[in-house]
Amino acid sequence: MQLSELEQEANSLDEYLTNASEEQIQEIKQQQENAHTIINIAKQTNSQRHREFLAPKQTKQIRRLKEQLEKSS
């Protein structure tokens, strides 16, 4: 569940790219890269740490970023 939720959140950041500043674009891309790294490691190694701790943590970071982007637009 956490991995699919994280993947959805990471992919939803794409909609913010058109109106974002260069700094925000870099942050969006970094957060997406972090999310996909966590997802790939969790899938390859079946890591409980990545599924139960890092995925929810990254999901929260992405949601905070989305809130900041919504406020700034």
PDB file of N, CA and C in Angstrom:
ATOM      1  N   MET A   1       0.824  -1.197   0.000  1.00  0.00           N
ATOM      2  CA  MET A   1       0.000   0.000   0.000  1.00  0.00           C
ATOM      3  C   MET A   1       0.867   1.260   0.000  1.00  0.00           C
ATOM      4  N   GLN A   2       1.875   1.331   0.853  1.00  0.00           N
ATOM      5  CA  GLN A   2       2.694   2.533   0.941  1.00  0.00           C
ATOM      6  C   GLN A   2       3.412   2.834  -0.371  1.00  0.00           C
ATOM      7  N   LEU A   3       3.871   1.788  -1.052  1.00  0.00           N
ATOM      8  CA  LEU A   3       4.623   2.006  -2.287  1.00  0.00           C
ATOM      9  C   LEU A   3       3.734   2.563  -3.391  1.00  0.00           C
ATOM     10  N   SER A   4       2.544   2.043  -3.539  1.00  0.00           N
ATOM     11  CA  SER A   4       1.657   2.540  -4.584  1.00  0.00           C
ATOM     12  C   SER A   4       1.218   3.967  -4.285  1.00  0.00           C
ATOM     13  N   GLU A   5       0.990   4.260  -3.029  1.00  0.00           N
ATOM     14  CA  GLU A   5       0.620   5.620  -2.630  1.00  0.00           C
ATOM     15  C   GLU A   5       1.771   6.585  -2.918  1.00  0.00           C
ATOM     16  N   LEU A   6       2.983   6.177  -2.590  1.00  0.00           N
ATOM     17  CA  LEU A   6       4.154   6.994  -2.855  1.00  0.00           C
ATOM     18  C   LEU A   6       4.316   7.229  -4.355  1.00  0.00           C
ATOM     19  N   GLU A   7       4.141   6.183  -5.139  1.00  0.00           N
ATOM     20  CA  GLU A   7       4.283   6.312  -6.587  1.00  0.00           C
ATOM     21  C   GLU A   7       3.240   7.279  -7.159  1.00  0.00           C
ATOM     22  N   GLN A   8       2.020   7.202  -6.685  1.00  0.00           N
ATOM     23  CA  GLN A   8       0.975   8.122  -7.145  1.00  0.00           C
ATOM     24  C   GLN A   8       1.317   9.566  -6.793  1.00  0.00           C
ATOM     25  N   GLU A   9       1.784   9.779  -5.576  1.00  0.00           N
ATOM     26  CA  GLU A   9       2.136  11.127  -5.148  1.00  0.00           C
ATOM     27  C   GLU A   9       3.310  11.678  -5.982  1.00  0.00           C
ATOM     28  N   ALA A  10       4.304  10.845  -6.201  1.00  0.00           N
ATOM     29  CA  ALA A  10       5.466  11.283  -6.983  1.00  0.00           C
ATOM     30  C   ALA A  10       5.052  11.639  -8.410  1.00  0.00           C
ATOM     31  N   ASN A  11       4.223  10.818  -8.997  1.00  0.00           N
ATOM     32  CA  ASN A  11       3.773  11.076 -10.368  1.00  0.00           C
ATOM     33  C   ASN A  11       2.877  12.302 -10.456  1.00  0.00           C
ATOM     34  N   SER A  12       2.148  12.590  -9.392  1.00  0.00           N
ATOM     35  CA  SER A  12       1.247  13.747  -9.411  1.00  0.00           C
ATOM     36  C   SER A  12       2.004  15.075  -9.382  1.00  0.00           C
ATOM     37  N   LEU A  13       3.291  15.031  -9.045  1.00  0.00           N
ATOM     38  CA  LEU A  13       4.084  16.264  -9.043  1.00  0.00           C
ATOM     39  C   LEU A  13       4.280  16.830 -10.453  1.00  0.00           C
ATOM     40  N   ASP A  14       4.135  15.992 -11.471  1.00  0.00           N
ATOM     41  CA  ASP A  14       4.325  16.445 -12.846  1.00  0.00           C
ATOM     42  C   ASP A  14       3.445  17.639 -13.200  1.00  0.00           C
ATOM     43  N   GLU A  15       2.243  17.686 -12.644  1.00  0.00           N
ATOM     44  CA  GLU A  15       1.315  18.770 -12.973  1.00  0.00           C
ATOM     45  C   GLU A  15       1.824  20.138 -12.491  1.00  0.00           C
ATOM     46  N   TYR A  16       2.754  20.149 -11.568  1.00  0.00           N
ATOM     47  CA  TYR A  16       3.281  21.407 -11.043  1.00  0.00           C
ATOM     48  C   TYR A  16       4.466  21.934 -11.846  1.00  0.00           C
ATOM     49  N   LEU A  17       5.005  21.132 -12.731  1.00  0.00           N
ATOM     50  CA  LEU A  17       6.213  21.521 -13.463  1.00  0.00           C
ATOM     51  C   LEU A  17       6.011  22.726 -14.366  1.00  0.00           C
ATOM     52  N   THR A  18       4.842  22.900 -14.936  1.00  0.00           N
ATOM     53  CA  THR A  18       4.637  23.976 -15.906  1.00  0.00           C
ATOM     54  C   THR A  18       4.688  25.362 -15.284  1.00  0.00           C
ATOM     55  N   ASN A  19       4.221  25.500 -14.050  1.00  0.00           N
ATOM     56  CA  ASN A  19       4.178  26.819 -13.414  1.00  0.00           C
ATOM     57  C   ASN A  19       5.240  27.015 -12.338  1.00  0.00           C
ATOM     58  N   ALA A  20       6.163  26.090 -12.231  1.00  0.00           N
ATOM     59  CA  ALA A  20       7.163  26.152 -11.158  1.00  0.00           C
ATOM     60  C   ALA A  20       8.386  26.954 -11.586  1.00  0.00           C
ATOM     61  N   SER A  21       9.041  27.533 -10.590  1.00  0.00           N
ATOM     62  CA  SER A  21      10.312  28.219 -10.845  1.00  0.00           C
ATOM     63  C   SER A  21      11.393  27.161 -11.065  1.00  0.00           C
ATOM     64  N   GLU A  22      12.547  27.588 -11.524  1.00  0.00           N
ATOM     65  CA  GLU A  22      13.639  26.639 -11.768  1.00  0.00           C
ATOM     66  C   GLU A  22      14.025  25.906 -10.487  1.00  0.00           C
ATOM     67  N   GLU A  23      14.049  26.634  -9.384  1.00  0.00           N
ATOM     68  CA  GLU A  23      14.381  26.015  -8.087  1.00  0.00           C
ATOM     69  C   GLU A  23      13.326  24.982  -7.693  1.00  0.00           C
ATOM     70  N   GLN A  24      12.062  25.317  -7.905  1.00  0.00           N
ATOM     71  CA  GLN A  24      10.978  24.386  -7.584  1.00  0.00           C
ATOM     72  C   GLN A  24      11.028  23.158  -8.494  1.00  0.00           C
ATOM     73  N   ILE A  25      11.366  23.366  -9.760  1.00  0.00           N
ATOM     74  CA  ILE A  25      11.475  22.244 -10.693  1.00  0.00           C
ATOM     75  C   ILE A  25      12.549  21.273 -10.222  1.00  0.00           C
ATOM     76  N   GLN A  26      13.683  21.806  -9.781  1.00  0.00           N
ATOM     77  CA  GLN A  26      14.754  20.950  -9.283  1.00  0.00           C
ATOM     78  C   GLN A  26      14.305  20.174  -8.048  1.00  0.00           C
ATOM     79  N   GLU A  27      13.561  20.832  -7.166  1.00  0.00           N
ATOM     80  CA  GLU A  27      13.051  20.163  -5.960  1.00  0.00           C
ATOM     81  C   GLU A  27      12.052  19.069  -6.335  1.00  0.00           C
ATOM     82  N   ILE A  28      11.177  19.355  -7.280  1.00  0.00           N
ATOM     83  CA  ILE A  28      10.203  18.362  -7.737  1.00  0.00           C
ATOM     84  C   ILE A  28      10.926  17.142  -8.284  1.00  0.00           C
ATOM     85  N   LYS A  29      11.890  17.371  -9.151  1.00  0.00           N
ATOM     86  CA  LYS A  29      12.626  16.262  -9.766  1.00  0.00           C
ATOM     87  C   LYS A  29      13.395  15.457  -8.717  1.00  0.00           C
ATOM     88  N   GLN A  30      13.961  16.145  -7.721  1.00  0.00           N
ATOM     89  CA  GLN A  30      14.696  15.457  -6.658  1.00  0.00           C
ATOM     90  C   GLN A  30      13.755  14.585  -5.828  1.00  0.00           C
ATOM     91  N   GLN A  31      12.596  15.119  -5.490  1.00  0.00           N
ATOM     92  CA  GLN A  31      11.629  14.348  -4.697  1.00  0.00           C
ATOM     93  C   GLN A  31      11.125  13.140  -5.484  1.00  0.00           C
ATOM     94  N   GLN A  32      10.912  13.322  -6.784  1.00  0.00           N
ATOM     95  CA  GLN A  32      10.476  12.197  -7.614  1.00  0.00           C
ATOM     96  C   GLN A  32      11.574  11.131  -7.685  1.00  0.00           C
ATOM     97  N   GLU A  33      12.808  11.572  -7.841  1.00  0.00           N
ATOM     98  CA  GLU A  33      13.925  10.624  -7.893  1.00  0.00           C
ATOM     99  C   GLU A  33      14.046   9.858  -6.582  1.00  0.00           C
ATOM    100  N   ASN A  34      13.928  10.577  -5.465  1.00  0.00           N
ATOM    101  CA  ASN A  34      13.982   9.920  -4.146  1.00  0.00           C
ATOM    102  C   ASN A  34      12.878   8.875  -4.018  1.00  0.00           C
ATOM    103  N   ALA A  35      11.687   9.232  -4.448  1.00  0.00           N
ATOM    104  CA  ALA A  35      10.549   8.312  -4.354  1.00  0.00           C
ATOM    105  C   ALA A  35      10.798   7.060  -5.182  1.00  0.00           C
ATOM    106  N   HIS A  36      11.252   7.236  -6.402  1.00  0.00           N
ATOM    107  CA  HIS A  36      11.460   6.074  -7.269  1.00  0.00           C
ATOM    108  C   HIS A  36      12.624   5.210  -6.777  1.00  0.00           C
ATOM    109  N   THR A  37      13.608   5.824  -6.157  1.00  0.00           N
ATOM    110  CA  THR A  37      14.703   5.054  -5.567  1.00  0.00           C
ATOM    111  C   THR A  37      14.174   4.176  -4.435  1.00  0.00           C
ATOM    112  N   ILE A  38      13.370   4.757  -3.561  1.00  0.00           N
ATOM    113  CA  ILE A  38      12.781   4.002  -2.449  1.00  0.00           C
ATOM    114  C   ILE A  38      11.921   2.860  -2.978  1.00  0.00           C
ATOM    115  N   ILE A  39      11.098   3.148  -3.977  1.00  0.00           N
ATOM    116  CA  ILE A  39      10.212   2.129  -4.559  1.00  0.00           C
ATOM    117  C   ILE A  39      11.034   0.994  -5.161  1.00  0.00           C
ATOM    118  N   ASN A  40      12.047   1.343  -5.936  1.00  0.00           N
ATOM    119  CA  ASN A  40      12.865   0.308  -6.590  1.00  0.00           C
ATOM    120  C   ASN A  40      13.608  -0.562  -5.583  1.00  0.00           C
ATOM    121  N   ILE A  41      14.183   0.045  -4.555  1.00  0.00           N
ATOM    122  CA  ILE A  41      14.901  -0.731  -3.538  1.00  0.00           C
ATOM    123  C   ILE A  41      13.923  -1.640  -2.794  1.00  0.00           C
ATOM    124  N   ALA A  42      12.765  -1.107  -2.449  1.00  0.00           N
ATOM    125  CA  ALA A  42      11.772  -1.912  -1.729  1.00  0.00           C
ATOM    126  C   ALA A  42      11.320  -3.103  -2.560  1.00  0.00           C
ATOM    127  N   LYS A  43      11.131  -2.886  -3.840  1.00  0.00           N
ATOM    128  CA  LYS A  43      10.686  -3.984  -4.704  1.00  0.00           C
ATOM    129  C   LYS A  43      11.792  -5.010  -4.923  1.00  0.00           C
ATOM    130  N   GLN A  44      13.017  -4.553  -5.099  1.00  0.00           N
ATOM    131  CA  GLN A  44      14.124  -5.465  -5.380  1.00  0.00           C
ATOM    132  C   GLN A  44      14.549  -6.266  -4.157  1.00  0.00           C
ATOM    133  N   THR A  45      14.519  -5.642  -3.006  1.00  0.00           N
ATOM    134  CA  THR A  45      15.043  -6.298  -1.803  1.00  0.00           C
ATOM    135  C   THR A  45      13.946  -6.731  -0.836  1.00  0.00           C
ATOM    136  N   ASN A  46      12.720  -6.336  -1.128  1.00  0.00           N
ATOM    137  CA  ASN A  46      11.609  -6.599  -0.221  1.00  0.00           C
ATOM    138  C   ASN A  46      11.895  -6.025   1.169  1.00  0.00           C
ATOM    139  N   SER A  47      12.508  -4.850   1.185  1.00  0.00           N
ATOM    140  CA  SER A  47      12.922  -4.199   2.426  1.00  0.00           C
ATOM    141  C   SER A  47      11.725  -3.639   3.198  1.00  0.00           C
ATOM    142  N   GLN A  48      11.515  -4.164   4.388  1.00  0.00           N
ATOM    143  CA  GLN A  48      10.445  -3.666   5.249  1.00  0.00           C
ATOM    144  C   GLN A  48      10.706  -2.222   5.652  1.00  0.00           C
ATOM    145  N   ARG A  49      11.977  -1.879   5.865  1.00  0.00           N
ATOM    146  CA  ARG A  49      12.333  -0.507   6.254  1.00  0.00           C
ATOM    147  C   ARG A  49      11.890   0.472   5.176  1.00  0.00           C
ATOM    148  N   HIS A  50      12.128   0.130   3.924  1.00  0.00           N
ATOM    149  CA  HIS A  50      11.740   1.014   2.836  1.00  0.00           C
ATOM    150  C   HIS A  50      10.219   1.087   2.700  1.00  0.00           C
ATOM    151  N   ARG A  51       9.555  -0.023   2.914  1.00  0.00           N
ATOM    152  CA  ARG A  51       8.100  -0.042   2.778  1.00  0.00           C
ATOM    153  C   ARG A  51       7.393   0.648   3.950  1.00  0.00           C
ATOM    154  N   GLU A  52       7.849   0.391   5.156  1.00  0.00           N
ATOM    155  CA  GLU A  52       7.114   0.834   6.339  1.00  0.00           C
ATOM    156  C   GLU A  52       7.592   2.170   6.899  1.00  0.00           C
ATOM    157  N   PHE A  53       8.817   2.563   6.598  1.00  0.00           N
ATOM    158  CA  PHE A  53       9.321   3.815   7.153  1.00  0.00           C
ATOM    159  C   PHE A  53       9.621   4.839   6.070  1.00  0.00           C
ATOM    160  N   LEU A  54      10.456   4.480   5.116  1.00  0.00           N
ATOM    161  CA  LEU A  54      10.898   5.464   4.133  1.00  0.00           C
ATOM    162  C   LEU A  54       9.804   5.853   3.137  1.00  0.00           C
ATOM    163  N   ALA A  55       8.985   4.910   2.715  1.00  0.00           N
ATOM    164  CA  ALA A  55       7.917   5.246   1.769  1.00  0.00           C
ATOM    165  C   ALA A  55       6.925   6.256   2.372  1.00  0.00           C
ATOM    166  N   PRO A  56       6.404   6.012   3.579  1.00  0.00           N
ATOM    167  CA  PRO A  56       5.495   7.004   4.169  1.00  0.00           C
ATOM    168  C   PRO A  56       6.182   8.354   4.422  1.00  0.00           C
ATOM    169  N   LYS A  57       7.437   8.319   4.822  1.00  0.00           N
ATOM    170  CA  LYS A  57       8.175   9.561   5.074  1.00  0.00           C
ATOM    171  C   LYS A  57       8.320  10.364   3.781  1.00  0.00           C
ATOM    172  N   GLN A  58       8.676   9.690   2.698  1.00  0.00           N
ATOM    173  CA  GLN A  58       8.820  10.370   1.413  1.00  0.00           C
ATOM    174  C   GLN A  58       7.469  10.871   0.913  1.00  0.00           C
ATOM    175  N   THR A  59       6.419  10.115   1.137  1.00  0.00           N
ATOM    176  CA  THR A  59       5.076  10.545   0.747  1.00  0.00           C
ATOM    177  C   THR A  59       4.718  11.845   1.451  1.00  0.00           C
ATOM    178  N   LYS A  60       5.029  11.954   2.735  1.00  0.00           N
ATOM    179  CA  LYS A  60       4.766  13.180   3.492  1.00  0.00           C
ATOM    180  C   LYS A  60       5.576  14.348   2.936  1.00  0.00           C
ATOM    181  N   GLN A  61       6.837  14.100   2.580  1.00  0.00           N
ATOM    182  CA  GLN A  61       7.663  15.161   2.015  1.00  0.00           C
ATOM    183  C   GLN A  61       7.079  15.669   0.702  1.00  0.00           C
ATOM    184  N   ILE A  62       6.612  14.763  -0.123  1.00  0.00           N
ATOM    185  CA  ILE A  62       6.015  15.153  -1.403  1.00  0.00           C
ATOM    186  C   ILE A  62       4.737  15.954  -1.165  1.00  0.00           C
ATOM    187  N   ARG A  63       3.928  15.529  -0.221  1.00  0.00           N
ATOM    188  CA  ARG A  63       2.687  16.267   0.067  1.00  0.00           C
ATOM    189  C   ARG A  63       2.983  17.671   0.587  1.00  0.00           C
ATOM    190  N   ARG A  64       4.020  17.812   1.417  1.00  0.00           N
ATOM    191  CA  ARG A  64       4.421  19.145   1.885  1.00  0.00           C
ATOM    192  C   ARG A  64       4.874  20.011   0.710  1.00  0.00           C
ATOM    193  N   LEU A  65       5.643  19.430  -0.182  1.00  0.00           N
ATOM    194  CA  LEU A  65       6.103  20.160  -1.358  1.00  0.00           C
ATOM    195  C   LEU A  65       4.910  20.604  -2.207  1.00  0.00           C
ATOM    196  N   LYS A  66       3.939  19.728  -2.397  1.00  0.00           N
ATOM    197  CA  LYS A  66       2.750  20.077  -3.178  1.00  0.00           C
ATOM    198  C   LYS A  66       1.996  21.232  -2.526  1.00  0.00           C
ATOM    199  N   GLU A  67       1.898  21.236  -1.199  1.00  0.00           N
ATOM    200  CA  GLU A  67       1.245  22.337  -0.491  1.00  0.00           C
ATOM    201  C   GLU A  67       1.996  23.639  -0.721  1.00  0.00           C
ATOM    202  N   GLN A  68       3.317  23.603  -0.657  1.00  0.00           N
ATOM    203  CA  GLN A  68       4.119  24.798  -0.900  1.00  0.00           C
ATOM    204  C   GLN A  68       3.919  25.295  -2.331  1.00  0.00           C
ATOM    205  N   LEU A  69       3.898  24.379  -3.278  1.00  0.00           N
ATOM    206  CA  LEU A  69       3.714  24.765  -4.667  1.00  0.00           C
ATOM    207  C   LEU A  69       2.337  25.371  -4.904  1.00  0.00           C
ATOM    208  N   GLU A  70       1.332  24.835  -4.245  1.00  0.00           N
ATOM    209  CA  GLU A  70      -0.022  25.378  -4.388  1.00  0.00           C
ATOM    210  C   GLU A  70      -0.109  26.768  -3.796  1.00  0.00           C
ATOM    211  N   LYS A  71       0.554  26.997  -2.681  1.00  0.00           N
ATOM    212  CA  LYS A  71       0.536  28.319  -2.046  1.00  0.00           C
ATOM    213  C   LYS A  71       1.265  29.352  -2.896  1.00  0.00           C
ATOM    214  N   SER A  72       2.336  28.935  -3.556  1.00  0.00           N
ATOM    215  CA  SER A  72       3.149  29.886  -4.324  1.00  0.00           C
ATOM    216  C   SER A  72       2.574  30.181  -5.706  1.00  0.00           C
ATOM    217  N   SER A  73       1.604  29.391  -6.144  1.00  0.00           N
ATOM    218  CA  SER A  73       1.072  29.634  -7.495  1.00  0.00           C
ATOM    219  C   SER A  73      -0.152  30.512  -7.479  1.00  0.00           C
TER     220      SER A  73
END
